[in-house]
Amino acid sequence: MKLTDILSNTFDREQWERKGYQVPSFDIQAVRSKTAAEPTWVHFGGGNIFRAFPAAILNDALNKGQYERGVIVAETFDYEVIDKAYKPYGNLSLLVSLRSDGAVEKKVIASVTEALKADFQFPDWQRLREIFRSPSLQMISFTITEKGYRYNEADLSRGLRPSLAMGKVCALLLERYSAGELPLTVQSMDNCSHNGDKVKEGILAYADAWVASGLAPQGFSDYLRDGNKVSFPWSMIDKITPRPNGKIKALLASDGFEDNNYIETEKHTFTAPFVNSEEVQYLVIENHYTSGRPPLDLGGALFTTRETVDKVETMKVTTCLNPLHTAMSIYGCLLGYTLISEEMGDEDIRAFIQKIGYIEAMPVVTDPGVLNPYEFIGDVINRRLPNPFMPDTPQRIATDTSQKLSIRFGETIKKYLDRGLNRRDSIQSFSGSDAWGAAGLGLSARNRPP
């Protein structure tokens, strides 16, 4: 069983489905032909999170028969990803979703129609120029991590052939401007606060530098600042996609699935033809599109206002996820745990984070309306953190804790002060007279630090 078998005229669908693999129900070649002729979506960043989430929810939309365009992926940093994780497998991948109850879901992702290297040195650059000049293009998006939005004076001085991601995207947007100031949405899907503003800042830095040096007209800068032509929505994304896991590799091999090899590039990107990820996922997007959008809501994305996106992020970062993760990781390190999932088997640590979330945070939680804070915490405690397939460590989460305290705990403290709430009431409500509990630790006598 190989991924490229699915593109063959002799593909044995029954064999794959008998072994528990969900295969595309849509006509892959028809989607590829329509996307090539009239592209609607280009995504920058071909890593694991893209294949496990944005590409996967588009795949769901295609399977529902309510859309007929795929997504074109472009890689701005590690070009070996295209050569080793996309091209040999016909741009197909396998998503392995790992549930906390031990169940495994295996789904072939066929929504990626082209995989391109986004750099001037490759022939793919000409194809990207064509795509950006196409009136059908609606959206470009990113999962390149927050550091991918950086820029510097050295790169700004390179003119119209920059080396960093934002500069390359700006050069492609100049093509779109030159083709008639065509509308477009520039959508970050990276896990960083107010991510749309970070993309906008980087792109405008290049555009303004080029206008100042006479390399682009003033109209280009005006075009990028016109929210009716180019928009930069915010989003909140949440899904864990760790490196390819050895247990999953062995499981797939036992099925007879042959595309289970590990890939490590020279730039130390770790990937594979398959992606293993947790089952729970959230993608909340500001619904500000200038020329339509792919129907990602058919795959579970939530489209809403900018204010609501901000509320969802505040809920996650300051009360319902990040504080719990950080707190348990600190004590996990002290108590010798090496896996988050193992920590969740400790009744004291589990009770500890339940109290932080349900009792301490709930009185001041930001309720975004589109997601229920109680249900969100329930998923964190009962499905996400205990998942034995997620090889996350308290040591990784506890790194740089001093830089996290202000946002993950300070915001709750500020809200208690602003609203005149009694902080000791919140602590004593779950600690009684126990001194360790009153300190917010919730540890029993058997495993308290000396």
Protein backbone atom coordinates (compact mmCIF):
# COMPACT_ATOMS: atom_id res chain seq x y z
CA MET A 1 0.00 0.00 0.00
CA LYS A 2 1.52 3.27 -1.18
CA LEU A 3 0.05 6.75 -1.41
CA THR A 4 0.64 6.96 -5.14
CA ASP A 5 -1.54 3.85 -5.58
CA ILE A 6 -4.52 6.15 -4.98
CA LEU A 7 -3.70 8.06 -8.17
CA SER A 8 -3.65 4.85 -10.22
CA ASN A 9 -6.48 3.60 -12.39
CA THR A 10 -6.13 0.23 -10.67
CA PHE A 11 -6.48 1.60 -7.14
CA ASP A 12 -8.00 -0.99 -4.77
CA ARG A 13 -10.23 1.20 -2.60
CA GLU A 14 -11.75 -1.78 -0.80
CA GLN A 15 -8.35 -2.97 0.44
CA TRP A 16 -7.56 0.41 2.02
CA GLU A 17 -10.99 0.84 3.57
CA ARG A 18 -10.91 -2.69 4.97
CA LYS A 19 -7.78 -1.72 6.91
CA GLY A 20 -9.43 1.40 8.30
CA TYR A 21 -8.10 4.04 5.89
CA GLN A 22 -10.39 6.85 4.79
CA VAL A 23 -9.65 7.62 1.15
CA PRO A 24 -10.88 10.61 -0.88
CA SER A 25 -14.38 10.36 -2.27
CA PHE A 26 -13.83 13.24 -4.71
CA ASP A 27 -12.25 13.11 -8.16
CA ILE A 28 -8.62 14.04 -7.40
CA GLN A 29 -7.62 14.66 -11.00
CA ALA A 30 -10.65 16.85 -11.68
CA VAL A 31 -9.89 18.97 -8.60
CA ARG A 32 -6.27 19.31 -9.69
CA SER A 33 -7.22 20.40 -13.19
CA LYS A 34 -9.71 22.99 -11.95
CA THR A 35 -7.28 24.34 -9.38
CA ALA A 36 -4.48 24.65 -11.93
CA ALA A 37 -6.74 26.63 -14.25
CA GLU A 38 -8.41 28.79 -11.58
CA PRO A 39 -6.49 28.70 -8.30
CA THR A 40 -8.21 30.08 -5.21
CA TRP A 41 -5.80 29.37 -2.32
CA VAL A 42 -2.02 29.34 -1.89
CA HIS A 43 -0.57 28.31 1.46
CA PHE A 44 2.99 29.17 2.52
CA GLY A 45 4.63 26.59 4.79
CA GLY A 46 4.44 22.91 3.91
CA GLY A 47 5.06 21.51 7.38
CA ASN A 48 3.18 19.01 9.52
CA ILE A 49 0.61 21.45 10.94
CA PHE A 50 -0.47 22.47 7.44
CA ARG A 51 -1.09 18.91 6.28
CA ALA A 52 -2.75 17.90 9.55
CA PHE A 53 -5.09 20.89 9.80
CA PRO A 54 -5.71 23.46 7.01
CA ALA A 55 -5.18 20.93 4.21
CA ALA A 56 -7.20 18.33 6.11
CA ILE A 57 -10.26 20.50 6.65
CA LEU A 58 -10.24 21.48 2.97
CA ASN A 59 -10.05 17.75 2.24
CA ASP A 60 -13.22 17.32 4.34
CA ALA A 61 -14.94 20.08 2.35
CA LEU A 62 -14.00 18.37 -0.92
CA ASN A 63 -15.29 15.03 0.35
CA LYS A 64 -18.65 16.67 1.05
CA GLY A 65 -18.91 17.56 -2.64
CA GLN A 66 -19.54 21.23 -1.93
CA TYR A 67 -16.26 22.58 -3.33
CA GLU A 68 -14.04 21.75 -6.26
CA ARG A 69 -10.72 23.54 -5.75
CA GLY A 70 -7.68 22.37 -3.83
CA VAL A 71 -4.83 24.25 -2.18
CA ILE A 72 -1.39 25.00 -3.65
CA VAL A 73 1.42 24.79 -1.10
CA ALA A 74 4.55 26.94 -1.38
CA GLU A 75 7.65 26.49 0.76
CA THR A 76 9.74 29.60 1.52
CA PHE A 77 12.42 28.10 3.78
CA ASP A 78 13.19 24.37 3.54
CA TYR A 79 12.93 23.34 -0.09
CA GLU A 80 13.81 19.73 0.68
CA VAL A 81 10.32 19.40 2.15
CA ILE A 82 8.92 19.77 -1.37
CA ASP A 83 11.43 17.34 -2.86
CA LYS A 84 11.16 14.69 -0.15
CA ALA A 85 7.73 14.94 1.50
CA TYR A 86 5.53 16.04 -1.42
CA LYS A 87 6.86 15.17 -4.88
CA PRO A 88 7.61 11.44 -4.30
CA TYR A 89 4.07 10.89 -2.99
CA GLY A 90 2.11 12.77 -5.62
CA ASN A 91 1.42 15.55 -3.09
CA LEU A 92 -0.65 13.12 -1.01
CA SER A 93 -0.15 12.50 2.69
CA LEU A 94 -1.65 10.40 5.45
CA LEU A 95 -3.14 12.02 8.54
CA VAL A 96 -3.11 9.77 11.60
CA SER A 97 -5.31 11.24 14.33
CA LEU A 98 -4.56 9.84 17.78
CA ARG A 99 -7.36 9.75 20.33
CA SER A 100 -6.89 9.64 24.08
CA ASP A 101 -8.97 6.44 24.26
CA GLY A 102 -6.41 4.67 22.06
CA ALA A 103 -8.40 4.75 18.83
CA VAL A 104 -6.58 5.73 15.64
CA GLU A 105 -8.11 7.44 12.61
CA LYS A 106 -6.24 7.19 9.30
CA LYS A 107 -7.20 9.60 6.52
CA VAL A 108 -5.56 10.21 3.14
CA ILE A 109 -5.24 13.94 2.44
CA ALA A 110 -5.51 14.75 -1.27
CA SER A 111 -6.44 18.44 -1.20
CA VAL A 112 -2.91 19.64 -2.10
CA THR A 113 -2.80 20.02 -5.87
CA GLU A 114 0.68 21.53 -6.39
CA ALA A 115 3.82 21.88 -4.24
CA LEU A 116 6.14 24.74 -5.19
CA LYS A 117 9.47 26.18 -4.04
CA ALA A 118 8.94 29.87 -3.36
CA ASP A 119 12.27 31.33 -4.36
CA PHE A 120 13.61 33.23 -7.38
CA GLN A 121 16.22 30.56 -8.15
CA PHE A 122 13.62 27.89 -8.99
CA PRO A 123 11.36 27.56 -12.06
CA ASP A 124 8.44 27.34 -9.61
CA TRP A 125 8.73 31.09 -9.10
CA GLN A 126 7.29 31.72 -12.55
CA ARG A 127 4.32 29.51 -11.71
CA LEU A 128 3.74 31.49 -8.50
CA ARG A 129 3.82 34.73 -10.47
CA GLU A 130 1.12 33.33 -12.78
CA ILE A 131 -1.01 32.28 -9.82
CA PHE A 132 -0.77 35.69 -8.16
CA ARG A 133 -1.85 37.38 -11.38
CA SER A 134 -4.93 35.16 -11.60
CA PRO A 135 -8.25 36.92 -10.81
CA SER A 136 -9.56 33.67 -9.25
CA LEU A 137 -7.07 33.74 -6.35
CA GLN A 138 -8.91 34.54 -3.12
CA MET A 139 -6.57 33.83 -0.25
CA ILE A 140 -2.97 33.19 0.70
CA SER A 141 -2.20 31.79 4.15
CA PHE A 142 0.75 30.91 6.37
CA THR A 143 1.99 28.37 8.88
CA ILE A 144 5.63 29.45 8.95
CA THR A 145 5.94 30.11 12.73
CA GLU A 146 6.18 33.59 14.20
CA LYS A 147 9.87 33.91 13.31
CA GLY A 148 8.89 33.58 9.64
CA TYR A 149 7.42 37.09 9.76
CA ARG A 150 10.72 38.74 10.62
CA TYR A 151 12.52 41.18 8.37
CA ASN A 152 15.75 43.17 8.63
CA GLU A 153 17.58 46.02 6.98
CA ALA A 154 19.89 43.71 5.09
CA ASP A 155 17.00 41.96 3.38
CA LEU A 156 15.10 45.19 2.79
CA SER A 157 18.17 46.46 0.93
CA ARG A 158 18.14 43.51 -1.48
CA GLY A 159 15.48 45.22 -3.56
CA LEU A 160 12.96 43.11 -5.46
CA ARG A 161 14.82 39.83 -4.82
CA PRO A 162 14.64 39.43 -1.03
CA SER A 163 15.53 36.20 0.75
CA LEU A 164 13.06 36.20 3.68
CA ALA A 165 9.46 34.98 3.46
CA MET A 166 7.73 38.34 3.86
CA GLY A 167 9.87 39.86 1.13
CA LYS A 168 9.06 37.05 -1.30
CA VAL A 169 5.35 37.35 -0.58
CA CYS A 170 5.56 41.11 -1.06
CA ALA A 171 7.18 40.57 -4.45
CA LEU A 172 4.29 38.31 -5.43
CA LEU A 173 1.77 40.86 -4.18
CA LEU A 174 3.46 43.42 -6.43
CA GLU A 175 2.64 41.07 -9.32
CA ARG A 176 -1.00 41.07 -8.20
CA TYR A 177 -1.04 44.84 -7.95
CA SER A 178 0.46 45.13 -11.44
CA ALA A 179 -2.21 42.78 -12.81
CA GLY A 180 -4.89 45.31 -11.96
CA GLU A 181 -4.90 45.79 -8.18
CA LEU A 182 -6.73 42.49 -7.78
CA PRO A 183 -8.23 41.82 -4.32
CA LEU A 184 -6.76 39.24 -1.95
CA THR A 185 -6.89 38.09 1.66
CA VAL A 186 -3.56 37.52 3.42
CA GLN A 187 -4.35 35.07 6.22
CA SER A 188 -1.96 34.00 8.97
CA MET A 189 -2.74 30.65 10.58
CA ASP A 190 0.26 30.71 12.90
CA ASN A 191 -0.04 30.33 16.64
CA CYS A 192 0.86 33.86 17.68
CA SER A 193 -1.15 36.76 19.03
CA HIS A 194 -2.77 39.14 16.50
CA ASN A 195 -1.04 37.18 13.75
CA GLY A 196 -2.65 39.15 10.91
CA ASP A 197 -0.93 42.31 12.11
CA LYS A 198 2.45 40.55 12.10
CA VAL A 199 2.04 39.55 8.45
CA LYS A 200 0.90 43.04 7.54
CA GLU A 201 3.83 44.69 9.31
CA GLY A 202 6.37 42.51 7.51
CA ILE A 203 4.87 42.96 4.06
CA LEU A 204 4.45 46.73 4.46
CA ALA A 205 8.08 47.06 5.56
CA TYR A 206 9.21 45.75 2.17
CA ALA A 207 6.58 47.64 0.20
CA ASP A 208 7.43 50.97 1.82
CA ALA A 209 11.17 50.39 1.32
CA TRP A 210 10.61 49.65 -2.36
CA VAL A 211 8.41 52.73 -2.82
CA ALA A 212 11.02 54.91 -1.09
CA SER A 213 13.77 53.60 -3.38
CA GLY A 214 11.69 53.93 -6.53
CA LEU A 215 11.33 50.19 -7.11
CA ALA A 216 7.54 50.27 -6.75
CA PRO A 217 4.92 53.00 -7.20
CA GLN A 218 3.20 54.70 -4.27
CA GLY A 219 0.01 53.05 -5.42
CA PHE A 220 1.40 49.66 -4.37
CA SER A 221 1.70 50.74 -0.76
CA ASP A 222 -1.77 52.31 -0.92
CA TYR A 223 -3.18 49.08 -2.37
CA LEU A 224 -1.83 47.01 0.52
CA ARG A 225 -3.32 49.45 3.05
CA ASP A 226 -6.75 49.45 1.40
CA GLY A 227 -8.75 46.99 3.48
CA ASN A 228 -11.31 46.61 0.72
CA LYS A 229 -8.62 45.26 -1.61
CA VAL A 230 -6.17 43.47 0.70
CA SER A 231 -7.16 42.21 4.14
CA PHE A 232 -5.04 40.75 6.94
CA PRO A 233 -7.45 38.88 9.25
CA TRP A 234 -6.53 37.53 12.68
CA SER A 235 -6.93 33.87 13.58
CA MET A 236 -6.46 31.49 16.50
CA ILE A 237 -5.19 28.00 15.74
CA ASP A 238 -4.72 25.16 18.21
CA LYS A 239 -3.67 21.60 17.34
CA ILE A 240 -0.68 19.52 18.46
CA THR A 241 1.27 17.89 15.63
CA PRO A 242 4.49 16.39 17.04
CA ARG A 243 7.28 14.81 15.07
CA PRO A 244 6.52 11.48 13.34
CA ASN A 245 6.14 8.89 16.07
CA GLY A 246 7.81 5.48 16.11
CA LYS A 247 4.66 3.74 17.34
CA ILE A 248 2.71 5.13 14.42
CA LYS A 249 5.41 4.09 11.98
CA ALA A 250 5.18 0.52 13.32
CA LEU A 251 1.37 0.56 13.24
CA LEU A 252 1.32 1.65 9.61
CA ALA A 253 3.93 -0.95 8.69
CA SER A 254 1.75 -3.67 10.22
CA ASP A 255 -1.09 -2.53 7.92
CA GLY A 256 1.16 -2.92 4.90
CA PHE A 257 1.39 0.84 4.41
CA GLU A 258 4.84 1.31 2.87
CA ASP A 259 5.20 5.10 2.96
CA ASN A 260 6.19 5.19 6.63
CA ASN A 261 9.79 6.40 6.39
CA TYR A 262 11.18 9.29 8.42
CA ILE A 263 12.48 12.39 6.66
CA GLU A 264 15.05 14.77 8.16
CA THR A 265 16.28 17.58 5.93
CA GLU A 266 19.63 19.34 6.08
CA LYS A 267 17.84 22.19 7.86
CA HIS A 268 16.61 19.69 10.45
CA THR A 269 12.97 19.66 9.49
CA PHE A 270 11.46 16.41 10.77
CA THR A 271 8.63 15.09 8.66
CA ALA A 272 7.30 11.99 6.90
CA PRO A 273 4.71 10.97 4.30
CA PHE A 274 2.39 10.65 7.30
CA VAL A 275 1.51 13.17 10.01
CA ASN A 276 0.48 12.11 13.51
CA SER A 277 -1.62 14.55 15.48
CA GLU A 278 -4.10 14.87 18.30
CA GLU A 279 -7.81 14.60 17.57
CA VAL A 280 -8.85 17.97 19.06
CA GLN A 281 -8.41 21.09 16.92
CA TYR A 282 -9.57 24.69 16.78
CA LEU A 283 -9.30 27.24 13.99
CA VAL A 284 -11.14 30.52 14.60
CA ILE A 285 -10.77 33.13 11.85
CA GLU A 286 -11.78 36.75 11.46
CA ASN A 287 -14.28 36.79 8.61
CA HIS A 288 -12.79 39.66 6.60
CA TYR A 289 -12.31 38.48 3.02
CA THR A 290 -12.11 40.80 0.05
CA SER A 291 -12.92 38.35 -2.75
CA GLY A 292 -14.51 35.22 -1.30
CA ARG A 293 -12.79 32.31 0.43
CA PRO A 294 -12.52 28.52 0.40
CA PRO A 295 -15.31 27.00 2.56
CA LEU A 296 -13.11 25.87 5.43
CA ASP A 297 -16.15 26.04 7.70
CA LEU A 298 -17.29 22.81 6.03
CA GLY A 299 -14.27 21.20 7.69
CA GLY A 300 -14.82 22.79 11.09
CA ALA A 301 -13.21 26.26 10.97
CA LEU A 302 -15.16 28.99 12.76
CA PHE A 303 -15.51 32.37 11.01
CA THR A 304 -16.32 35.29 13.25
CA THR A 305 -15.34 38.86 14.17
CA ARG A 306 -11.87 40.15 15.04
CA GLU A 307 -13.07 40.88 18.57
CA THR A 308 -14.21 37.28 19.00
CA VAL A 309 -10.93 35.87 17.69
CA ASP A 310 -9.15 37.98 20.30
CA LYS A 311 -11.48 36.68 23.01
CA VAL A 312 -10.84 33.06 22.01
CA GLU A 313 -7.10 33.61 22.20
CA THR A 314 -7.43 35.36 25.57
CA MET A 315 -9.51 32.46 26.88
CA LYS A 316 -6.96 29.92 25.73
CA VAL A 317 -3.77 31.72 26.73
CA THR A 318 -4.77 33.27 30.06
CA THR A 319 -7.19 30.77 31.62
CA CYS A 320 -8.23 27.57 29.87
CA LEU A 321 -5.06 25.98 28.46
CA ASN A 322 -1.69 27.68 28.78
CA PRO A 323 -1.79 28.31 32.57
CA LEU A 324 -2.73 24.66 33.20
CA HIS A 325 0.02 23.43 30.87
CA THR A 326 2.68 25.64 32.43
CA ALA A 327 1.72 24.94 36.05
CA MET A 328 1.67 21.16 35.69
CA SER A 329 4.94 21.19 33.73
CA ILE A 330 6.86 22.99 36.47
CA TYR A 331 5.84 20.40 39.05
CA GLY A 332 6.19 17.60 36.53
CA CYS A 333 9.87 18.50 36.25
CA LEU A 334 10.25 18.62 40.04
CA LEU A 335 8.55 15.25 40.44
CA GLY A 336 10.53 13.51 37.70
CA TYR A 337 7.89 13.09 35.00
CA THR A 338 9.04 13.00 31.39
CA LEU A 339 5.66 12.94 29.61
CA ILE A 340 2.65 15.22 30.00
CA SER A 341 0.34 12.23 29.56
CA GLU A 342 2.03 10.43 32.47
CA GLU A 343 1.57 13.48 34.66
CA MET A 344 -2.16 13.33 34.02
CA GLY A 345 -2.19 9.91 35.70
CA ASP A 346 -1.10 11.59 38.95
CA GLU A 347 -4.30 12.32 40.87
CA ASP A 348 -2.76 15.30 42.65
CA ILE A 349 -1.50 17.02 39.50
CA ARG A 350 -4.79 16.36 37.74
CA ALA A 351 -6.71 17.84 40.69
CA PHE A 352 -4.27 20.75 40.74
CA ILE A 353 -4.94 21.86 37.17
CA GLN A 354 -8.67 21.21 37.52
CA LYS A 355 -8.72 23.68 40.39
CA ILE A 356 -6.68 26.25 38.48
CA GLY A 357 -9.03 26.02 35.52
CA TYR A 358 -12.49 25.41 36.89
CA ILE A 359 -12.29 27.24 40.23
CA GLU A 360 -9.62 29.91 40.00
CA ALA A 361 -9.98 30.98 36.35
CA MET A 362 -13.71 30.59 35.68
CA PRO A 363 -14.79 33.66 37.69
CA VAL A 364 -12.79 35.89 35.32
CA VAL A 365 -12.68 33.84 32.11
CA THR A 366 -13.21 35.63 28.80
CA ASP A 367 -16.16 33.86 27.18
CA PRO A 368 -15.89 34.31 23.39
CA GLY A 369 -19.36 32.95 22.71
CA VAL A 370 -18.30 30.66 19.84
CA LEU A 371 -16.50 28.21 22.16
CA ASN A 372 -17.67 27.24 25.65
CA PRO A 373 -14.87 27.76 28.21
CA TYR A 374 -16.04 24.83 30.39
CA GLU A 375 -16.09 22.49 27.41
CA PHE A 376 -12.72 23.79 26.24
CA ILE A 377 -11.14 23.01 29.62
CA GLY A 378 -12.90 19.64 29.61
CA ASP A 379 -11.25 18.75 26.31
CA VAL A 380 -7.87 19.88 27.67
CA ILE A 381 -8.10 17.81 30.84
CA ASN A 382 -9.93 14.74 29.55
CA ARG A 383 -8.81 14.35 25.93
CA ARG A 384 -5.72 16.41 25.15
CA LEU A 385 -3.30 16.27 28.06
CA PRO A 386 -3.87 12.56 28.91
CA ASN A 387 -3.35 11.43 25.31
CA PRO A 388 -0.54 8.82 25.47
CA PHE A 389 0.17 9.25 21.75
CA MET A 390 1.26 12.87 22.27
CA PRO A 391 4.93 12.63 23.29
CA ASP A 392 5.09 16.12 24.80
CA THR A 393 7.29 16.68 27.83
CA PRO A 394 6.99 18.91 30.90
CA GLN A 395 10.60 19.90 30.30
CA ARG A 396 9.71 21.46 26.94
CA ILE A 397 6.64 23.26 28.26
CA ALA A 398 8.49 24.54 31.35
CA THR A 399 11.22 26.14 29.25
CA ASP A 400 11.33 29.95 29.60
CA THR A 401 8.62 29.90 32.28
CA SER A 402 9.73 33.29 33.60
CA GLN A 403 8.70 34.84 30.28
CA LYS A 404 5.27 33.19 30.41
CA LEU A 405 4.14 34.02 33.93
CA SER A 406 2.89 37.54 33.26
CA ILE A 407 0.44 36.59 30.51
CA ARG A 408 -0.56 33.13 31.73
CA PHE A 409 -1.18 34.03 35.36
CA GLY A 410 -0.85 37.81 35.63
CA GLU A 411 -3.95 38.47 33.52
CA THR A 412 -6.10 36.46 35.93
CA ILE A 413 -4.64 38.29 38.92
CA LYS A 414 -5.29 41.66 37.25
CA LYS A 415 -8.92 40.75 36.60
CA TYR A 416 -9.38 39.75 40.24
CA LEU A 417 -8.02 43.13 41.27
CA ASP A 418 -9.98 45.09 38.67
CA ARG A 419 -13.26 43.45 39.71
CA GLY A 420 -12.57 43.64 43.43
CA LEU A 421 -12.72 39.87 43.84
CA ASN A 422 -11.25 38.21 46.93
CA ARG A 423 -8.23 36.23 45.79
CA ARG A 424 -8.04 34.23 49.02
CA ASP A 425 -11.65 33.11 48.62
CA SER A 426 -10.74 31.59 45.28
CA ILE A 427 -7.72 29.81 46.75
CA GLN A 428 -9.42 28.65 49.93
CA SER A 429 -12.43 27.35 48.07
CA PHE A 430 -10.30 24.47 46.87
CA SER A 431 -7.52 24.34 49.43
CA GLY A 432 -9.15 24.67 52.86
CA SER A 433 -6.57 25.29 55.53
CA ASP A 434 -3.84 23.25 53.87
CA ALA A 435 -0.72 25.42 53.54
CA TRP A 436 0.44 23.82 50.28
CA GLY A 437 -3.02 24.19 48.77
CA ALA A 438 -3.20 27.81 49.86
CA ALA A 439 0.00 28.40 47.97
CA GLY A 440 -1.82 27.15 44.90
CA LEU A 441 0.08 23.86 44.59
CA GLY A 442 -2.55 21.28 45.52
CA LEU A 443 0.04 18.56 46.20
CA SER A 444 -0.54 15.72 48.65
CA ALA A 445 1.98 14.81 51.33
CA ARG A 446 3.38 11.87 49.37
CA ASN A 447 4.83 13.97 46.55
CA ARG A 448 5.43 17.45 47.92
CA PRO A 449 8.88 18.80 47.16
CA PRO A 450 11.16 18.86 50.22
